[in-house]
């Protein structure tokens, strides 16, 4: 792990190597030692990884540079401007993240999020006949972990019943129309920023193919759980902007249940308020066959 003080030393060294004399300040001054710390100048953001997480710095530098080159127009990713050891230097983006704007009641957020995700997946998106075998094996592993006490979650008995229901849908999804793409794997509204004209995605590392609807699901989950209490979130603009007209409905339903199961499986026995809200929504989705994807 790296402390804020050590990260500040590394950030200053990176700026000197760029022939800059700016004094970086921490974006999160109270953050405890972590895998990485974020500092900034007026125009730059510096992400300083701990030395033991150099492979993560490598992964972000490679993948973010690739995505930055691919995306143009109003859906973008910031370039890596400079790198020194485990310090990555990027442009400082203006504008709030989409989570903040959504909480404030901006109704354009579902469209902005879906449009950015469509552009992000497009370069690697491919069609294929769905194969649920890996998902079913994962469901079995979860069942075993909960049964033997290796995984502690809320309401384990109900969880086991839900697993059975989800597995029962695998056969109807097999060989139906589906897609694969290199995914984000941390696709939240907080990882999308909007400067009034351009939507920027951040925090790229993953280079592996996965279910692209997983990224769509995590955005939908944010939209459903971060909205103001008196709002009734409409996910139709998210789906319309993303524009997946290929994936068959049985695949969508099976994957939606798998993704909801993932939320439940990763909720601790004593969840935080935020975790409890997400779990409640996941269980609601598992109790229904209504599609949000």
Protein backbone atom coordinates (compact mmCIF):
# COMPACT_ATOMS: atom_id res chain seq x y z
CA UNK A 1 0.00 0.00 0.00
CA UNK A 2 1.08 3.60 -0.49
CA UNK A 3 0.47 6.53 1.84
CA UNK A 4 -0.54 9.99 0.74
CA UNK A 5 2.84 11.41 1.82
CA UNK A 6 4.87 8.88 -0.18
CA UNK A 7 2.58 9.34 -3.18
CA UNK A 8 3.15 13.09 -3.02
CA UNK A 9 6.91 12.58 -3.23
CA UNK A 10 6.48 10.33 -6.28
CA UNK A 11 4.07 12.78 -7.91
CA UNK A 12 6.51 15.66 -7.49
CA UNK A 13 9.25 13.54 -9.07
CA UNK A 14 7.04 12.79 -12.07
CA UNK A 15 6.25 16.47 -12.54
CA UNK A 16 9.94 17.38 -12.35
CA UNK A 17 10.62 14.78 -15.04
CA UNK A 18 8.07 16.64 -17.17
CA UNK A 19 9.92 19.92 -16.47
CA UNK A 20 6.99 21.17 -14.42
CA UNK A 21 7.24 22.89 -11.06
CA UNK A 22 3.57 22.57 -10.10
CA UNK A 23 2.82 21.45 -6.55
CA UNK A 24 0.41 18.49 -6.56
CA UNK A 25 -2.32 18.28 -3.93
CA UNK A 26 -4.24 15.16 -2.90
CA UNK A 27 -7.73 14.77 -4.31
CA UNK A 28 -8.70 12.78 -1.21
CA UNK A 29 -6.64 14.22 1.69
CA UNK A 30 -8.05 11.83 4.30
CA UNK A 31 -7.54 8.67 2.29
CA UNK A 32 -5.62 6.00 4.23
CA UNK A 33 -2.80 3.99 2.64
CA UNK A 34 -4.19 2.27 -0.44
CA UNK A 35 -3.19 0.53 -3.65
CA UNK A 36 -3.04 3.96 -5.30
CA UNK A 37 -3.40 7.63 -4.40
CA UNK A 38 -4.74 10.44 -6.58
CA UNK A 39 -3.14 13.88 -6.68
CA UNK A 40 -3.72 16.83 -8.97
CA UNK A 41 -2.45 20.14 -10.23
CA UNK A 42 -4.62 22.71 -11.93
CA UNK A 43 -4.46 20.81 -15.24
CA UNK A 44 -3.21 17.30 -14.43
CA UNK A 45 -4.21 14.25 -12.39
CA UNK A 46 -1.50 11.92 -11.11
CA UNK A 47 -2.35 8.37 -10.07
CA UNK A 48 0.45 6.93 -7.96
CA UNK A 49 0.37 3.18 -7.43
CA UNK A 50 2.20 1.39 -4.64
CA UNK A 51 5.29 -0.43 -6.00
CA UNK A 52 3.75 -3.83 -5.30
CA UNK A 53 0.87 -2.91 -7.61
CA UNK A 54 3.07 -2.07 -10.59
CA UNK A 55 1.21 -4.63 -12.70
CA UNK A 56 -2.00 -2.65 -12.18
CA UNK A 57 -0.22 0.53 -13.27
CA UNK A 58 0.95 -1.33 -16.37
CA UNK A 59 -2.56 -2.59 -17.09
CA UNK A 60 -4.16 0.83 -16.73
CA UNK A 61 -1.51 2.55 -18.84
CA UNK A 62 -1.91 0.06 -21.68
CA UNK A 63 -5.69 -0.24 -21.67
CA UNK A 64 -6.41 3.45 -21.12
CA UNK A 65 -4.07 4.44 -23.94
CA UNK A 66 -5.82 1.95 -26.21
CA UNK A 67 -9.30 3.20 -25.34
CA UNK A 68 -8.22 6.83 -25.61
CA UNK A 69 -7.05 6.17 -29.17
CA UNK A 70 -10.29 4.36 -30.06
CA UNK A 71 -12.86 6.83 -28.73
CA UNK A 72 -13.56 10.13 -30.46
CA UNK A 73 -16.32 12.72 -30.61
CA UNK A 74 -18.51 13.15 -27.54
CA UNK A 75 -17.52 9.83 -25.92
CA UNK A 76 -13.89 9.82 -24.85
CA UNK A 77 -11.24 8.52 -22.47
CA UNK A 78 -8.33 10.64 -21.19
CA UNK A 79 -4.89 9.92 -22.57
CA UNK A 80 -1.91 8.86 -20.48
CA UNK A 81 0.31 11.90 -20.96
CA UNK A 82 3.36 10.68 -19.08
CA UNK A 83 4.51 7.79 -16.93
CA UNK A 84 7.27 7.52 -14.39
CA UNK A 85 7.62 4.15 -12.65
CA UNK A 86 4.18 3.55 -11.09
CA UNK A 87 2.94 7.12 -11.54
CA UNK A 88 0.49 7.82 -14.36
CA UNK A 89 -0.13 11.41 -15.46
CA UNK A 90 -3.43 12.29 -17.14
CA UNK A 91 -5.31 15.48 -18.03
CA UNK A 92 -7.55 16.81 -15.28
CA UNK A 93 -11.13 16.61 -16.47
CA UNK A 94 -13.70 19.28 -15.75
CA UNK A 95 -17.28 18.54 -14.82
CA UNK A 96 -18.95 16.23 -12.28
CA UNK A 97 -19.42 12.49 -12.54
CA UNK A 98 -22.72 11.09 -13.76
CA UNK A 99 -23.62 9.76 -10.30
CA UNK A 100 -23.59 13.31 -8.94
CA UNK A 101 -25.64 14.61 -11.84
CA UNK A 102 -28.13 11.75 -11.50
CA UNK A 103 -28.64 12.46 -7.80
CA UNK A 104 -29.32 16.07 -8.77
CA UNK A 105 -32.11 14.93 -11.07
CA UNK A 106 -30.47 15.29 -14.49
CA UNK A 107 -32.71 13.15 -16.73
CA UNK A 108 -30.13 13.02 -19.53
CA UNK A 109 -27.84 10.72 -17.55
CA UNK A 110 -29.25 7.35 -18.75
CA UNK A 111 -28.79 8.44 -22.35
CA UNK A 112 -25.26 9.76 -21.76
CA UNK A 113 -24.25 6.57 -19.95
CA UNK A 114 -25.72 4.23 -22.55
CA UNK A 115 -24.20 6.16 -25.44
CA UNK A 116 -20.73 6.12 -23.89
CA UNK A 117 -20.95 2.38 -23.18
CA UNK A 118 -22.04 1.66 -26.75
CA UNK A 119 -18.99 3.52 -28.08
CA UNK A 120 -16.69 1.79 -25.59
CA UNK A 121 -17.81 -1.75 -26.49
CA UNK A 122 -18.05 -1.18 -30.25
CA UNK A 123 -14.38 -1.81 -31.22
CA UNK A 124 -14.33 -5.31 -29.66
CA UNK A 125 -17.99 -6.35 -29.86
CA UNK A 126 -18.69 -9.66 -31.58
CA UNK A 127 -21.74 -11.88 -31.95
CA UNK A 128 -21.82 -15.49 -30.83
CA UNK A 129 -24.25 -18.25 -29.78
CA UNK A 130 -24.61 -18.08 -26.01
CA UNK A 131 -22.92 -20.77 -23.92
CA UNK A 132 -24.10 -20.81 -20.28
CA UNK A 133 -21.81 -23.60 -19.05
CA UNK A 134 -19.35 -21.30 -17.31
CA UNK A 135 -22.14 -19.40 -15.60
CA UNK A 136 -23.77 -22.61 -14.37
CA UNK A 137 -20.43 -23.83 -12.96
CA UNK A 138 -20.10 -20.49 -11.16
CA UNK A 139 -23.58 -20.86 -9.67
CA UNK A 140 -22.58 -24.31 -8.38
CA UNK A 141 -19.41 -22.89 -6.80
CA UNK A 142 -21.43 -20.21 -5.05
CA UNK A 143 -23.86 -22.81 -3.76
CA UNK A 144 -21.01 -24.89 -2.34
CA UNK A 145 -19.32 -21.87 -0.73
CA UNK A 146 -22.52 -20.78 0.99
CA UNK A 147 -23.36 -24.34 2.07
CA UNK A 148 -19.94 -24.98 3.65
CA UNK A 149 -19.72 -21.54 5.29
CA UNK A 150 -16.87 -20.26 3.13
CA UNK A 151 -19.09 -17.38 1.95
CA UNK A 152 -21.17 -15.47 4.51
CA UNK A 153 -24.11 -13.59 3.01
CA UNK A 154 -27.54 -12.36 4.12
CA UNK A 155 -30.36 -14.95 4.01
CA UNK A 156 -28.37 -17.92 2.67
CA UNK A 157 -31.40 -20.22 2.44
CA UNK A 158 -33.24 -17.85 0.11
CA UNK A 159 -30.02 -17.43 -1.85
CA UNK A 160 -29.80 -21.17 -2.50
CA UNK A 161 -33.39 -21.25 -3.76
CA UNK A 162 -32.63 -18.31 -6.04
CA UNK A 163 -29.62 -20.13 -7.49
CA UNK A 164 -31.83 -23.06 -8.46
CA UNK A 165 -34.29 -20.75 -10.22
CA UNK A 166 -31.48 -19.03 -12.11
CA UNK A 167 -29.89 -22.29 -13.21
CA UNK A 168 -33.26 -23.48 -14.52
CA UNK A 169 -33.17 -20.70 -17.12
CA UNK A 170 -29.82 -21.73 -18.59
CA UNK A 171 -31.26 -24.27 -21.04
CA UNK A 172 -33.58 -21.76 -22.69
CA UNK A 173 -30.66 -19.35 -23.19
CA UNK A 174 -28.27 -21.91 -24.69
CA UNK A 175 -27.19 -21.10 -28.27
CA UNK A 176 -29.42 -18.05 -28.43
CA UNK A 177 -28.09 -14.81 -29.93
CA UNK A 178 -25.56 -13.04 -27.68
CA UNK A 179 -22.46 -10.84 -27.78
CA UNK A 180 -18.99 -10.65 -26.26
CA UNK A 181 -16.67 -7.65 -25.84
CA UNK A 182 -13.75 -6.39 -23.79
CA UNK A 183 -15.56 -4.93 -20.80
CA UNK A 184 -14.82 -2.25 -18.23
CA UNK A 185 -15.58 -4.43 -15.15
CA UNK A 186 -16.08 -1.39 -12.91
CA UNK A 187 -18.70 0.38 -14.98
CA UNK A 188 -20.40 2.76 -12.58
CA UNK A 189 -21.86 6.23 -12.98
CA UNK A 190 -18.96 7.47 -10.83
CA UNK A 191 -16.51 6.35 -13.51
CA UNK A 192 -18.16 8.55 -16.13
CA UNK A 193 -17.71 12.33 -16.11
CA UNK A 194 -19.43 14.97 -18.22
CA UNK A 195 -17.94 18.38 -18.98
CA UNK A 196 -21.05 19.80 -20.63
CA UNK A 197 -20.14 18.45 -24.07
CA UNK A 198 -18.05 15.29 -23.73
CA UNK A 199 -18.64 12.20 -21.60
CA UNK A 200 -15.34 10.81 -20.29
CA UNK A 201 -14.78 7.28 -19.01
CA UNK A 202 -12.02 6.58 -16.48
CA UNK A 203 -10.30 3.73 -14.61
CA UNK A 204 -9.50 1.21 -17.33
CA UNK A 205 -7.54 -1.97 -16.66
CA UNK A 206 -9.41 -4.98 -18.00
CA UNK A 207 -8.33 -6.44 -21.35
CA UNK A 208 -10.42 -9.62 -21.30
CA UNK A 209 -13.66 -10.44 -23.06
CA UNK A 210 -16.78 -10.86 -20.94
CA UNK A 211 -20.52 -10.32 -21.14
CA UNK A 212 -20.96 -6.69 -22.26
CA UNK A 213 -24.38 -6.66 -20.61
CA UNK A 214 -22.56 -6.86 -17.27
CA UNK A 215 -21.40 -3.27 -17.77
CA UNK A 216 -24.93 -2.26 -18.77
CA UNK A 217 -26.31 -3.96 -15.66
CA UNK A 218 -24.00 -2.11 -13.26
CA UNK A 219 -25.00 1.20 -14.83
CA UNK A 220 -28.68 0.24 -14.54
CA UNK A 221 -28.17 -0.75 -10.91
CA UNK A 222 -26.66 2.66 -10.17
CA UNK A 223 -29.54 4.41 -11.90
CA UNK A 224 -32.05 2.41 -9.86
CA UNK A 225 -30.35 2.83 -6.49
CA UNK A 226 -28.85 6.34 -6.66
CA UNK A 227 -31.95 8.20 -7.83
CA UNK A 228 -33.65 10.64 -5.47
CA UNK A 229 -36.26 8.91 -3.27
CA UNK A 230 -39.22 10.53 -5.03
CA UNK A 231 -37.97 9.65 -8.52
CA UNK A 232 -39.13 6.74 -10.66
CA UNK A 233 -36.06 5.84 -12.75
CA UNK A 234 -36.77 5.07 -16.39
CA UNK A 235 -34.16 2.74 -17.88
CA UNK A 236 -35.58 2.88 -21.42
CA UNK A 237 -33.22 5.74 -22.44
CA UNK A 238 -30.22 3.72 -21.18
CA UNK A 239 -31.22 0.70 -23.25
CA UNK A 240 -32.06 2.80 -26.29
CA UNK A 241 -28.74 4.65 -26.22
CA UNK A 242 -26.78 1.41 -25.78
CA UNK A 243 -28.70 -0.07 -28.68
CA UNK A 244 -28.27 -3.84 -28.27
CA UNK A 245 -30.84 -5.24 -30.68
CA UNK A 246 -29.06 -8.57 -31.10
CA UNK A 247 -29.07 -10.36 -27.74
CA UNK A 248 -32.05 -12.70 -27.33
CA UNK A 249 -34.49 -12.17 -24.46
CA UNK A 250 -33.75 -15.56 -22.78
CA UNK A 251 -30.05 -14.64 -22.64
CA UNK A 252 -30.85 -11.22 -21.21
CA UNK A 253 -33.01 -12.71 -18.46
CA UNK A 254 -30.50 -15.41 -17.54
CA UNK A 255 -27.63 -12.92 -17.41
CA UNK A 256 -29.69 -10.38 -15.48
CA UNK A 257 -30.30 -13.03 -12.84
CA UNK A 258 -26.61 -13.98 -12.81
CA UNK A 259 -25.57 -10.36 -12.34
CA UNK A 260 -28.14 -9.90 -9.56
CA UNK A 261 -26.81 -13.07 -7.96
CA UNK A 262 -23.31 -11.58 -8.11
CA UNK A 263 -24.53 -8.58 -6.10
CA UNK A 264 -26.07 -10.84 -3.46
CA UNK A 265 -23.04 -13.15 -3.33
CA UNK A 266 -20.74 -10.19 -2.66
CA UNK A 267 -22.88 -8.60 0.04
CA UNK A 268 -21.46 -9.27 3.53
CA UNK A 269 -23.59 -10.65 6.32
CA UNK A 270 -23.69 -7.20 7.93
CA UNK A 271 -23.97 -4.86 4.93
CA UNK A 272 -23.48 -1.12 4.86
CA UNK A 273 -26.47 1.05 3.98
CA UNK A 274 -25.31 1.31 0.38
CA UNK A 275 -24.77 -2.45 0.14
CA UNK A 276 -28.19 -3.10 1.66
CA UNK A 277 -29.88 -0.85 -0.92
CA UNK A 278 -28.12 -2.61 -3.78
CA UNK A 279 -28.98 -6.01 -2.33
CA UNK A 280 -32.65 -5.07 -2.00
CA UNK A 281 -32.73 -4.10 -5.67
CA UNK A 282 -30.91 -7.29 -6.70
CA UNK A 283 -33.39 -9.42 -4.77
CA UNK A 284 -36.26 -7.50 -6.34
CA UNK A 285 -34.87 -8.33 -9.78
CA UNK A 286 -34.45 -11.97 -8.81
CA UNK A 287 -38.09 -12.11 -7.73
CA UNK A 288 -39.24 -10.84 -11.13
CA UNK A 289 -38.89 -11.80 -14.78
CA UNK A 290 -39.11 -8.16 -15.89
CA UNK A 291 -36.08 -7.22 -17.96
CA UNK A 292 -34.02 -4.12 -17.23
CA UNK A 293 -31.36 -5.00 -19.84
